[in-house]
């Protein structure tokens, strides 16, 4: 009898996370989706039925991440993959104006959360002795200046390196660690003006279509499964050729906030409002 595998997907209530939950569910995985936005998380889990569970979690808090991993093991008897996907736009503005608490918030959500997912996911996988897969979501912003807000870009670069470090450390346990690096994907993080996004990408992205969460979810599902059994320590860009063409993406985030004299922090789809002030 085939045993259904189980995964934890953080940020699973919207965007790339939700698409990943749907893709894994479609191929028979059982999934725990963790999210700060409880209303969205409960609703998405209910849409998929009993093989998808919701775990409320602030992914920057160790106890919450540990509890989400434990929920997967308790409810489904195992954990075979952790998808560290939760994210926010984070701090923006000139480096000389960004508040340190907004910088720290950005790194807590984007980097500390990945460390915590690796730490507690790998512990559970090691205890089971079956190996597993960890997939982290970074961004093409990790690879250049000007491809995203400064704190976001620096945090995503840290995620890329952390994936390599973890892959080398955990290979002996047959735990694979890989990173997906999306370009501009149509999620709540880019706002609601798709025509503006399309205009920007017509100039910057060689591929004629905007990227969708499903495009990224397909790659995550591949990395989660046996088809990628010899793939670890890698970064896979899912960006329509954007990185190859040399991105400058500030306009995709509503223009360069520094040029408009704005600073603050973008909290994404967490249900918590952004902070914006003029300098």
Protein backbone atom coordinates (compact mmCIF):
# COMPACT_ATOMS: atom_id res chain seq x y z
CA UNK A 1 0.00 0.00 0.00
CA UNK A 2 1.32 3.44 -0.93
CA UNK A 3 1.75 5.72 2.07
CA UNK A 4 0.60 9.27 1.44
CA UNK A 5 3.31 11.78 2.22
CA UNK A 6 2.84 14.87 4.35
CA UNK A 7 4.13 18.42 4.04
CA UNK A 8 4.13 21.68 5.96
CA UNK A 9 3.69 24.81 3.83
CA UNK A 10 4.20 28.16 5.54
CA UNK A 11 2.37 31.16 4.15
CA UNK A 12 -0.06 28.61 2.73
CA UNK A 13 -3.18 30.76 2.84
CA UNK A 14 -2.45 32.87 -0.24
CA UNK A 15 -0.26 33.35 -3.28
CA UNK A 16 2.53 30.85 -3.95
CA UNK A 17 1.84 29.06 -0.67
CA UNK A 18 -1.81 28.42 -1.49
CA UNK A 19 -0.91 27.24 -4.99
CA UNK A 20 1.65 24.86 -3.46
CA UNK A 21 -0.95 23.46 -1.07
CA UNK A 22 -3.27 22.88 -4.02
CA UNK A 23 -0.57 21.22 -6.14
CA UNK A 24 0.62 18.87 -3.41
CA UNK A 25 -2.98 18.02 -2.48
CA UNK A 26 -3.72 17.23 -6.15
CA UNK A 27 -0.98 14.58 -6.26
CA UNK A 28 -2.02 12.93 -3.01
CA UNK A 29 -0.01 14.69 -0.33
CA UNK A 30 -1.50 15.57 3.03
CA UNK A 31 -0.69 19.14 3.96
CA UNK A 32 -0.54 21.39 6.99
CA UNK A 33 -0.71 25.02 5.95
CA UNK A 34 0.66 27.52 8.44
CA UNK A 35 -0.24 31.18 8.22
CA UNK A 36 -0.57 34.27 10.39
CA UNK A 37 -3.86 35.17 8.70
CA UNK A 38 -6.19 32.78 10.53
CA UNK A 39 -9.30 33.74 8.58
CA UNK A 40 -7.68 32.95 5.24
CA UNK A 41 -5.96 29.85 6.61
CA UNK A 42 -9.14 28.29 7.97
CA UNK A 43 -10.99 29.06 4.75
CA UNK A 44 -8.34 27.54 2.48
CA UNK A 45 -8.02 24.40 4.61
CA UNK A 46 -11.79 23.94 4.53
CA UNK A 47 -11.79 24.16 0.73
CA UNK A 48 -9.54 21.10 0.45
CA UNK A 49 -11.11 18.89 3.09
CA UNK A 50 -9.66 16.65 5.83
CA UNK A 51 -6.28 16.01 4.21
CA UNK A 52 -5.38 19.70 4.56
CA UNK A 53 -5.13 21.21 8.05
CA UNK A 54 -4.55 24.77 9.19
CA UNK A 55 -1.97 25.65 11.85
CA UNK A 56 -1.97 29.29 13.02
CA UNK A 57 1.61 30.52 13.13
CA UNK A 58 3.79 33.58 13.22
CA UNK A 59 6.75 32.06 11.39
CA UNK A 60 9.19 34.42 13.10
CA UNK A 61 8.34 32.80 16.46
CA UNK A 62 10.13 29.52 17.20
CA UNK A 63 7.35 28.01 19.29
CA UNK A 64 4.84 28.58 16.48
CA UNK A 65 7.03 26.90 13.87
CA UNK A 66 7.81 23.98 16.17
CA UNK A 67 4.07 23.59 16.84
CA UNK A 68 3.26 23.59 13.11
CA UNK A 69 5.82 20.84 12.47
CA UNK A 70 4.45 18.86 15.41
CA UNK A 71 0.91 19.29 14.05
CA UNK A 72 1.94 17.67 10.77
CA UNK A 73 3.52 14.71 12.57
CA UNK A 74 0.61 14.34 15.00
CA UNK A 75 -2.18 14.67 12.45
CA UNK A 76 -0.63 12.75 9.56
CA UNK A 77 1.96 10.55 11.26
CA UNK A 78 4.93 11.93 9.37
CA UNK A 79 6.53 14.95 7.71
CA UNK A 80 8.28 14.51 4.38
CA UNK A 81 8.64 18.09 3.20
CA UNK A 82 8.78 21.57 4.67
CA UNK A 83 8.11 24.46 2.31
CA UNK A 84 9.44 27.65 3.91
CA UNK A 85 7.41 30.07 1.84
CA UNK A 86 5.89 32.72 4.14
CA UNK A 87 6.93 36.22 3.23
CA UNK A 88 6.24 39.94 3.28
CA UNK A 89 7.46 42.88 1.22
CA UNK A 90 9.13 44.26 4.32
CA UNK A 91 10.95 47.52 4.90
CA UNK A 92 11.28 50.08 2.11
CA UNK A 93 12.66 53.56 1.63
CA UNK A 94 16.17 54.96 1.57
CA UNK A 95 18.70 53.05 3.67
CA UNK A 96 19.25 56.26 5.62
CA UNK A 97 15.52 56.43 6.49
CA UNK A 98 14.53 52.80 7.18
CA UNK A 99 13.62 52.21 10.82
CA UNK A 100 15.70 49.50 12.46
CA UNK A 101 12.57 47.76 13.77
CA UNK A 102 11.25 47.50 10.19
CA UNK A 103 14.60 46.08 9.04
CA UNK A 104 14.54 43.53 11.88
CA UNK A 105 10.91 42.63 11.15
CA UNK A 106 11.82 41.93 7.52
CA UNK A 107 14.68 39.62 8.46
CA UNK A 108 12.61 37.90 11.15
CA UNK A 109 9.84 36.98 8.69
CA UNK A 110 12.04 36.22 5.68
CA UNK A 111 15.19 34.66 7.19
CA UNK A 112 14.62 33.60 10.78
CA UNK A 113 11.48 31.76 9.64
CA UNK A 114 13.48 29.73 7.13
CA UNK A 115 16.06 28.83 9.77
CA UNK A 116 13.27 27.74 12.12
CA UNK A 117 11.54 25.68 9.43
CA UNK A 118 14.82 23.95 8.59
CA UNK A 119 15.69 23.41 12.26
CA UNK A 120 12.41 21.85 13.37
CA UNK A 121 11.59 20.16 10.07
CA UNK A 122 15.00 18.50 9.91
CA UNK A 123 14.75 17.36 13.53
CA UNK A 124 11.47 15.58 12.79
CA UNK A 125 12.86 14.03 9.60
CA UNK A 126 16.01 12.85 11.36
CA UNK A 127 13.93 11.25 14.10
CA UNK A 128 11.86 9.35 11.52
CA UNK A 129 14.94 8.24 9.54
CA UNK A 130 13.24 8.47 6.14
CA UNK A 131 14.97 11.58 4.83
CA UNK A 132 12.91 14.30 3.22
CA UNK A 133 12.90 17.58 1.35
CA UNK A 134 13.03 21.20 2.42
CA UNK A 135 12.17 23.89 -0.13
CA UNK A 136 12.77 27.56 0.62
CA UNK A 137 11.27 30.47 -1.29
CA UNK A 138 13.74 33.26 -2.05
CA UNK A 139 13.57 35.66 -5.02
CA UNK A 140 15.51 36.90 -8.02
CA UNK A 141 15.97 39.98 -5.82
CA UNK A 142 18.65 37.94 -4.01
CA UNK A 143 21.03 38.21 -6.94
CA UNK A 144 21.32 41.92 -7.69
CA UNK A 145 20.87 45.42 -6.35
CA UNK A 146 17.75 47.20 -7.55
CA UNK A 147 15.70 44.03 -8.05
CA UNK A 148 13.63 44.73 -4.92
CA UNK A 149 13.60 46.79 -1.73
CA UNK A 150 16.95 46.72 0.06
CA UNK A 151 15.99 44.75 3.16
CA UNK A 152 13.97 42.29 1.09
CA UNK A 153 16.84 41.72 -1.35
CA UNK A 154 19.40 41.26 1.43
CA UNK A 155 17.10 38.87 3.31
CA UNK A 156 16.44 36.77 0.22
CA UNK A 157 20.20 36.58 -0.44
CA UNK A 158 20.56 35.18 3.08
CA UNK A 159 17.88 32.58 2.31
CA UNK A 160 19.82 31.44 -0.77
CA UNK A 161 23.02 30.97 1.21
CA UNK A 162 21.23 29.32 4.12
CA UNK A 163 19.79 26.77 1.69
CA UNK A 164 23.27 25.85 0.50
CA UNK A 165 24.59 25.57 4.05
CA UNK A 166 21.69 23.37 5.13
CA UNK A 167 21.96 21.17 2.05
CA UNK A 168 25.59 20.39 2.82
CA UNK A 169 24.90 19.74 6.49
CA UNK A 170 21.80 17.58 6.08
CA UNK A 171 22.77 15.48 3.05
CA UNK A 172 24.00 12.64 5.27
CA UNK A 173 20.46 12.34 6.61
CA UNK A 174 19.09 12.20 3.05
CA UNK A 175 17.37 15.53 3.60
CA UNK A 176 17.50 17.63 0.45
CA UNK A 177 17.39 21.43 0.69
CA UNK A 178 16.69 23.58 -2.35
CA UNK A 179 15.57 27.13 -3.04
CA UNK A 180 13.14 28.53 -5.59
CA UNK A 181 13.70 32.11 -6.72
CA UNK A 182 10.58 33.60 -8.30
CA UNK A 183 10.55 36.72 -10.42
CA UNK A 184 7.48 38.92 -10.58
CA UNK A 185 4.59 36.62 -9.71
CA UNK A 186 0.96 37.70 -9.57
CA UNK A 187 0.36 37.50 -5.81
CA UNK A 188 -0.98 39.97 -3.21
CA UNK A 189 2.58 41.24 -2.68
CA UNK A 190 2.55 43.10 -6.02
CA UNK A 191 -0.75 44.86 -5.36
CA UNK A 192 -3.88 44.92 -7.48
CA UNK A 193 -2.75 46.87 -10.55
CA UNK A 194 -1.98 44.05 -12.97
CA UNK A 195 -1.79 46.38 -15.95
CA UNK A 196 0.97 48.36 -14.27
CA UNK A 197 2.82 45.10 -13.54
CA UNK A 198 2.33 44.00 -17.14
CA UNK A 199 3.77 47.29 -18.42
CA UNK A 200 6.85 46.91 -16.23
CA UNK A 201 7.41 43.29 -17.24
CA UNK A 202 7.01 44.03 -20.95
CA UNK A 203 10.16 46.11 -20.56
CA UNK A 204 12.12 43.83 -18.21
CA UNK A 205 11.02 40.20 -18.73
CA UNK A 206 11.70 38.31 -21.98
CA UNK A 207 8.82 35.83 -21.55
CA UNK A 208 5.54 37.43 -22.68
CA UNK A 209 3.31 36.14 -19.83
CA UNK A 210 3.15 37.23 -16.22
CA UNK A 211 4.21 34.55 -13.76
CA UNK A 212 1.54 32.86 -11.67
CA UNK A 213 1.70 31.18 -8.26
CA UNK A 214 0.98 27.89 -10.03
CA UNK A 215 4.17 28.27 -12.09
CA UNK A 216 6.21 28.35 -8.88
CA UNK A 217 4.15 25.65 -7.17
CA UNK A 218 4.96 23.20 -9.97
CA UNK A 219 8.67 23.62 -9.30
CA UNK A 220 8.21 23.31 -5.54
CA UNK A 221 6.22 20.10 -6.01
CA UNK A 222 8.99 18.70 -8.21
CA UNK A 223 11.62 19.50 -5.58
CA UNK A 224 9.45 17.91 -2.89
CA UNK A 225 9.15 14.60 -4.72
CA UNK A 226 11.27 11.67 -5.78
CA UNK A 227 11.92 13.11 -9.23
CA UNK A 228 14.42 15.46 -7.56
CA UNK A 229 16.07 12.77 -5.40
CA UNK A 230 19.59 13.80 -6.52
CA UNK A 231 18.97 17.55 -6.47
CA UNK A 232 20.11 19.42 -3.37
CA UNK A 233 21.78 22.73 -2.58
CA UNK A 234 20.35 24.32 -5.73
CA UNK A 235 18.55 27.54 -6.59
CA UNK A 236 15.99 27.39 -9.37
CA UNK A 237 14.76 30.67 -10.79
CA UNK A 238 11.14 30.81 -11.95
CA UNK A 239 11.12 34.20 -13.59
CA UNK A 240 10.36 34.14 -17.32
CA UNK A 241 13.98 34.96 -18.13
CA UNK A 242 13.99 38.09 -15.97
CA UNK A 243 17.29 37.32 -14.25
CA UNK A 244 18.93 36.38 -17.52
CA UNK A 245 17.95 39.77 -18.94
CA UNK A 246 19.27 41.67 -15.90
CA UNK A 247 16.32 42.90 -13.82
CA UNK A 248 15.66 46.29 -12.38
CA UNK A 249 12.39 45.70 -10.62
CA UNK A 250 11.74 48.72 -8.42
CA UNK A 251 8.93 49.93 -10.66
CA UNK A 252 7.14 46.62 -10.22
CA UNK A 253 6.66 47.52 -6.55
CA UNK A 254 4.88 50.78 -7.32
CA UNK A 255 7.98 52.74 -8.24
CA UNK A 256 11.09 53.43 -6.20
CA UNK A 257 9.76 54.60 -2.81
CA UNK A 258 13.00 56.51 -2.18
CA UNK A 259 12.30 58.72 -5.20
CA UNK A 260 8.86 59.50 -3.80
CA UNK A 261 10.19 60.28 -0.33
CA UNK A 262 8.48 57.33 1.32
CA UNK A 263 9.64 54.82 3.92
CA UNK A 264 7.94 52.13 5.98
CA UNK A 265 7.20 48.41 5.97
CA UNK A 266 4.98 46.17 3.84
CA UNK A 267 3.42 43.32 5.86
CA UNK A 268 1.99 41.47 2.83
CA UNK A 269 -1.12 39.34 3.27
CA UNK A 270 -0.68 38.78 7.01
CA UNK A 271 -3.83 40.75 7.75
CA UNK A 272 -1.77 43.47 9.41
CA UNK A 273 -1.65 46.91 7.75
CA UNK A 274 1.49 48.47 6.24
CA UNK A 275 3.26 51.42 7.81
CA UNK A 276 4.10 54.27 5.42
CA UNK A 277 5.44 57.71 6.16
CA UNK A 278 6.84 60.55 4.11
CA UNK A 279 10.38 61.73 4.82
